[in-house]
Amino acid sequence: MKSFHRTRSFGQYLEGYASFSALYAIVRNAYAKKVYVDRDFQRKTTPLFKANIDANGLAPVNEIIAINEKTIDIIKKTIRQ
């Protein structure tokens, strides 16, 4: 009867699993129809935004601009100028 020798440690399997899990999350998020929102991250960062973001000096909106397939062309032209 042959005995099986372990050639990899348990930690090596965990490293591979962690890499695979990270790759899966990237692919899942790239193709998901629903955007995943990390509520815990939002809860932790909201006070930082409120303390460090200022909205002074914003002009009132006088014109409504439609966002459609032509909008990207207008943005590209504006950037080139």
C-alpha atoms as a PDB file:
ATOM      1  CA  MET A   1       0.000   0.000   0.000  1.00  0.00           C
ATOM      2  CA  LYS A   2       1.348   3.411  -0.980  1.00  0.00           C
ATOM      3  CA  SER A   3       1.417   6.205   1.491  1.00  0.00           C
ATOM      4  CA  PHE A   4       0.667   9.749   0.437  1.00  0.00           C
ATOM      5  CA  HIS A   5       3.192  12.360   1.443  1.00  0.00           C
ATOM      6  CA  ARG A   6       2.168  15.912   1.988  1.00  0.00           C
ATOM      7  CA  THR A   7       4.177  18.137  -0.289  1.00  0.00           C
ATOM      8  CA  ARG A   8       2.487  21.407   0.626  1.00  0.00           C
ATOM      9  CA  SER A   9       1.834  22.868   4.021  1.00  0.00           C
ATOM     10  CA  PHE A  10      -1.590  23.984   5.132  1.00  0.00           C
ATOM     11  CA  GLY A  11      -0.398  27.611   5.001  1.00  0.00           C
ATOM     12  CA  GLN A  12       0.482  27.237   1.326  1.00  0.00           C
ATOM     13  CA  TYR A  13      -3.038  26.034   0.607  1.00  0.00           C
ATOM     14  CA  LEU A  14      -4.444  29.021   2.488  1.00  0.00           C
ATOM     15  CA  GLU A  15      -2.255  31.416   0.465  1.00  0.00           C
ATOM     16  CA  GLY A  16      -3.548  29.892  -2.753  1.00  0.00           C
ATOM     17  CA  TYR A  17      -7.114  30.051  -1.505  1.00  0.00           C
ATOM     18  CA  ALA A  18      -6.714  33.703  -0.499  1.00  0.00           C
ATOM     19  CA  SER A  19      -5.353  34.550  -3.953  1.00  0.00           C
ATOM     20  CA  PHE A  20      -8.165  32.663  -5.645  1.00  0.00           C
ATOM     21  CA  SER A  21     -10.760  34.381  -3.425  1.00  0.00           C
ATOM     22  CA  ALA A  22      -9.362  37.820  -4.271  1.00  0.00           C
ATOM     23  CA  LEU A  23      -9.380  37.015  -7.982  1.00  0.00           C
ATOM     24  CA  TYR A  24     -12.953  35.722  -7.742  1.00  0.00           C
ATOM     25  CA  ALA A  25     -14.057  38.933  -5.994  1.00  0.00           C
ATOM     26  CA  ILE A  26     -12.475  41.075  -8.708  1.00  0.00           C
ATOM     27  CA  VAL A  27     -14.155  39.134 -11.514  1.00  0.00           C
ATOM     28  CA  ARG A  28     -17.483  38.971  -9.688  1.00  0.00           C
ATOM     29  CA  ASN A  29     -17.500  42.726  -9.078  1.00  0.00           C
ATOM     30  CA  ALA A  30     -16.486  43.476 -12.660  1.00  0.00           C
ATOM     31  CA  TYR A  31     -19.398  41.508 -14.119  1.00  0.00           C
ATOM     32  CA  ALA A  32     -22.032  41.827 -11.396  1.00  0.00           C
ATOM     33  CA  LYS A  33     -25.305  43.471 -12.373  1.00  0.00           C
ATOM     34  CA  LYS A  34     -25.742  44.742  -8.838  1.00  0.00           C
ATOM     35  CA  VAL A  35     -23.070  46.908  -7.251  1.00  0.00           C
ATOM     36  CA  TYR A  36     -21.854  45.644  -3.875  1.00  0.00           C
ATOM     37  CA  VAL A  37     -21.832  48.328  -1.203  1.00  0.00           C
ATOM     38  CA  ASP A  38     -19.653  47.797   1.840  1.00  0.00           C
ATOM     39  CA  ARG A  39     -21.864  49.287   4.555  1.00  0.00           C
ATOM     40  CA  ASP A  40     -19.211  48.952   7.249  1.00  0.00           C
ATOM     41  CA  PHE A  41     -16.697  50.856   5.100  1.00  0.00           C
ATOM     42  CA  GLN A  42     -19.310  53.527   4.381  1.00  0.00           C
ATOM     43  CA  ARG A  43     -20.113  53.887   8.068  1.00  0.00           C
ATOM     44  CA  LYS A  44     -16.438  54.309   8.933  1.00  0.00           C
ATOM     45  CA  THR A  45     -15.607  56.791   6.156  1.00  0.00           C
ATOM     46  CA  THR A  46     -18.712  59.026   6.317  1.00  0.00           C
ATOM     47  CA  PRO A  47     -17.416  61.059   9.291  1.00  0.00           C
ATOM     48  CA  LEU A  48     -14.108  61.589   7.446  1.00  0.00           C
ATOM     49  CA  PHE A  49     -15.905  62.964   4.408  1.00  0.00           C
ATOM     50  CA  LYS A  50     -18.148  65.186   6.477  1.00  0.00           C
ATOM     51  CA  ALA A  51     -15.170  66.596   8.361  1.00  0.00           C
ATOM     52  CA  ASN A  52     -12.948  67.168   5.318  1.00  0.00           C
ATOM     53  CA  ILE A  53     -15.226  68.009   2.383  1.00  0.00           C
ATOM     54  CA  ASP A  54     -16.380  71.568   1.842  1.00  0.00           C
ATOM     55  CA  ALA A  55     -19.021  72.770  -0.612  1.00  0.00           C
ATOM     56  CA  ASN A  56     -18.326  76.520  -0.512  1.00  0.00           C
ATOM     57  CA  GLY A  57     -18.116  78.404  -3.780  1.00  0.00           C
ATOM     58  CA  LEU A  58     -20.400  76.177  -5.799  1.00  0.00           C
ATOM     59  CA  ALA A  59     -22.406  78.017  -8.427  1.00  0.00           C
ATOM     60  CA  PRO A  60     -26.118  77.330  -8.771  1.00  0.00           C
ATOM     61  CA  VAL A  61     -27.175  75.062 -11.611  1.00  0.00           C
ATOM     62  CA  ASN A  62     -28.688  77.166 -14.382  1.00  0.00           C
ATOM     63  CA  GLU A  63     -28.682  74.611 -17.156  1.00  0.00           C
ATOM     64  CA  ILE A  64     -29.679  70.968 -17.341  1.00  0.00           C
ATOM     65  CA  ILE A  65     -27.459  68.863 -19.566  1.00  0.00           C
ATOM     66  CA  ALA A  66     -28.584  65.505 -20.882  1.00  0.00           C
ATOM     67  CA  ILE A  67     -26.124  62.674 -20.410  1.00  0.00           C
ATOM     68  CA  ASN A  68     -26.204  60.454 -23.465  1.00  0.00           C
ATOM     69  CA  GLU A  69     -23.945  58.982 -26.168  1.00  0.00           C
ATOM     70  CA  LYS A  70     -22.948  62.490 -27.364  1.00  0.00           C
ATOM     71  CA  THR A  71     -21.824  63.585 -23.908  1.00  0.00           C
ATOM     72  CA  ILE A  72     -18.548  61.637 -24.044  1.00  0.00           C
ATOM     73  CA  ASP A  73     -17.660  63.354 -27.335  1.00  0.00           C
ATOM     74  CA  ILE A  74     -18.278  66.776 -25.782  1.00  0.00           C
ATOM     75  CA  ILE A  75     -16.080  65.864 -22.794  1.00  0.00           C
ATOM     76  CA  LYS A  76     -13.275  64.646 -25.078  1.00  0.00           C
ATOM     77  CA  LYS A  77     -13.403  67.869 -27.116  1.00  0.00           C
ATOM     78  CA  THR A  78     -13.311  69.968 -23.940  1.00  0.00           C
ATOM     79  CA  ILE A  79     -10.281  68.080 -22.606  1.00  0.00           C
ATOM     80  CA  ARG A  80      -8.354  68.512 -25.865  1.00  0.00           C
ATOM     81  CA  GLN A  81      -8.751  72.298 -25.816  1.00  0.00           C
END
